[in-house]
């Protein structure tokens, strides 16, 4: 298995936390990094504390997101609104979704 390149996030960066693929793709939250960290090191720390999540189909993105925000305090959630530009080429669907 090839080791992934280490990715460091710097304080002040804005980050969208997402997961899933295709129709299951989800934007979970928008955060700002308050203390720098290396993503892969933090994932490893989380998996040491939650070894069952190392297995395929056992990783829970919401628990890892909570680990980042609440447990480690490395990021803070940002309030934001979404400007939805409709679907199927219909300009009548343009609207601002409720606050996130």
Protein backbone atom coordinates (compact mmCIF):
# COMPACT_ATOMS: atom_id res chain seq x y z
CA UNK A 1 0.00 0.00 0.00
CA UNK A 2 1.37 3.41 -0.96
CA UNK A 3 1.70 5.97 1.83
CA UNK A 4 -0.15 9.21 1.16
CA UNK A 5 1.70 12.51 1.02
CA UNK A 6 1.38 14.39 4.31
CA UNK A 7 -0.96 17.37 4.02
CA UNK A 8 -0.57 20.22 6.49
CA UNK A 9 -3.35 22.70 7.13
CA UNK A 10 -2.32 26.14 8.36
CA UNK A 11 -4.06 28.42 10.87
CA UNK A 12 -6.48 30.79 9.15
CA UNK A 13 -7.31 28.48 6.24
CA UNK A 14 -10.98 27.90 5.43
CA UNK A 15 -11.90 24.27 4.94
CA UNK A 16 -15.06 22.51 3.74
CA UNK A 17 -15.51 19.12 5.43
CA UNK A 18 -17.19 16.67 3.07
CA UNK A 19 -17.67 12.95 2.54
CA UNK A 20 -19.30 10.44 0.20
CA UNK A 21 -19.31 10.12 -3.55
CA UNK A 22 -21.70 10.61 -6.46
CA UNK A 23 -25.28 11.14 -5.22
CA UNK A 24 -24.14 10.44 -1.64
CA UNK A 25 -21.59 13.33 -1.68
CA UNK A 26 -22.25 15.68 1.25
CA UNK A 27 -20.81 18.98 2.42
CA UNK A 28 -20.82 18.49 6.20
CA UNK A 29 -19.67 21.89 7.48
CA UNK A 30 -17.48 24.90 6.81
CA UNK A 31 -14.64 25.50 9.28
CA UNK A 32 -11.61 27.70 9.87
CA UNK A 33 -8.34 26.14 11.01
CA UNK A 34 -7.30 27.67 14.35
CA UNK A 35 -4.13 25.61 14.94
CA UNK A 36 -1.99 23.97 12.25
CA UNK A 37 -2.07 20.20 11.91
CA UNK A 38 -1.13 17.40 9.53
CA UNK A 39 -4.26 15.66 8.28
CA UNK A 40 -2.82 12.12 8.08
CA UNK A 41 -1.30 12.36 11.59
CA UNK A 42 -4.66 13.39 13.01
CA UNK A 43 -6.48 10.58 11.20
CA UNK A 44 -3.97 8.12 12.65
CA UNK A 45 -4.45 9.54 16.16
CA UNK A 46 -8.23 9.19 15.76
CA UNK A 47 -7.92 5.59 14.53
CA UNK A 48 -5.69 4.62 17.46
CA UNK A 49 -8.49 5.81 19.76
CA UNK A 50 -11.18 4.17 17.58
CA UNK A 51 -9.52 1.05 16.08
CA UNK A 52 -12.74 -0.48 14.70
CA UNK A 53 -13.03 2.52 12.35
CA UNK A 54 -9.81 1.46 10.60
CA UNK A 55 -11.78 -1.33 8.89
CA UNK A 56 -13.50 -0.79 5.53
CA UNK A 57 -17.06 0.56 5.85
CA UNK A 58 -16.55 1.31 9.57
CA UNK A 59 -15.19 4.89 9.41
CA UNK A 60 -17.72 7.48 10.66
CA UNK A 61 -16.99 10.93 9.17
CA UNK A 62 -19.29 12.67 11.65
CA UNK A 63 -17.28 11.26 14.58
CA UNK A 64 -13.99 12.35 13.01
CA UNK A 65 -15.45 15.82 12.35
CA UNK A 66 -16.47 16.03 16.00
CA UNK A 67 -12.93 14.95 16.97
CA UNK A 68 -11.50 17.86 14.94
CA UNK A 69 -13.93 20.47 16.26
CA UNK A 70 -14.79 19.49 19.83
CA UNK A 71 -12.10 17.11 21.11
CA UNK A 72 -8.97 18.62 19.53
CA UNK A 73 -10.21 22.18 18.98
CA UNK A 74 -8.16 22.45 15.78
CA UNK A 75 -10.95 24.04 13.76
CA UNK A 76 -13.99 26.18 14.49
CA UNK A 77 -17.28 25.97 12.64
CA UNK A 78 -18.26 28.98 10.57
CA UNK A 79 -21.80 30.23 10.04
CA UNK A 80 -22.66 30.38 6.36
CA UNK A 81 -25.58 30.49 3.97
CA UNK A 82 -25.93 28.71 0.67
CA UNK A 83 -26.97 30.37 -2.58
CA UNK A 84 -28.60 27.56 -4.53
CA UNK A 85 -28.62 28.20 -8.28
CA UNK A 86 -31.45 25.81 -9.06
CA UNK A 87 -31.46 22.64 -11.08
CA UNK A 88 -32.27 21.47 -14.57
CA UNK A 89 -31.58 24.95 -15.99
CA UNK A 90 -34.55 26.56 -14.21
CA UNK A 91 -33.79 30.10 -12.95
CA UNK A 92 -37.01 30.04 -10.89
CA UNK A 93 -35.29 27.67 -8.48
CA UNK A 94 -32.59 30.17 -7.41
CA UNK A 95 -32.82 30.81 -3.65
CA UNK A 96 -30.89 31.12 -0.42
CA UNK A 97 -31.21 28.05 1.80
CA UNK A 98 -31.75 28.42 5.54
CA UNK A 99 -28.76 29.25 7.74
CA UNK A 100 -26.36 26.38 8.30
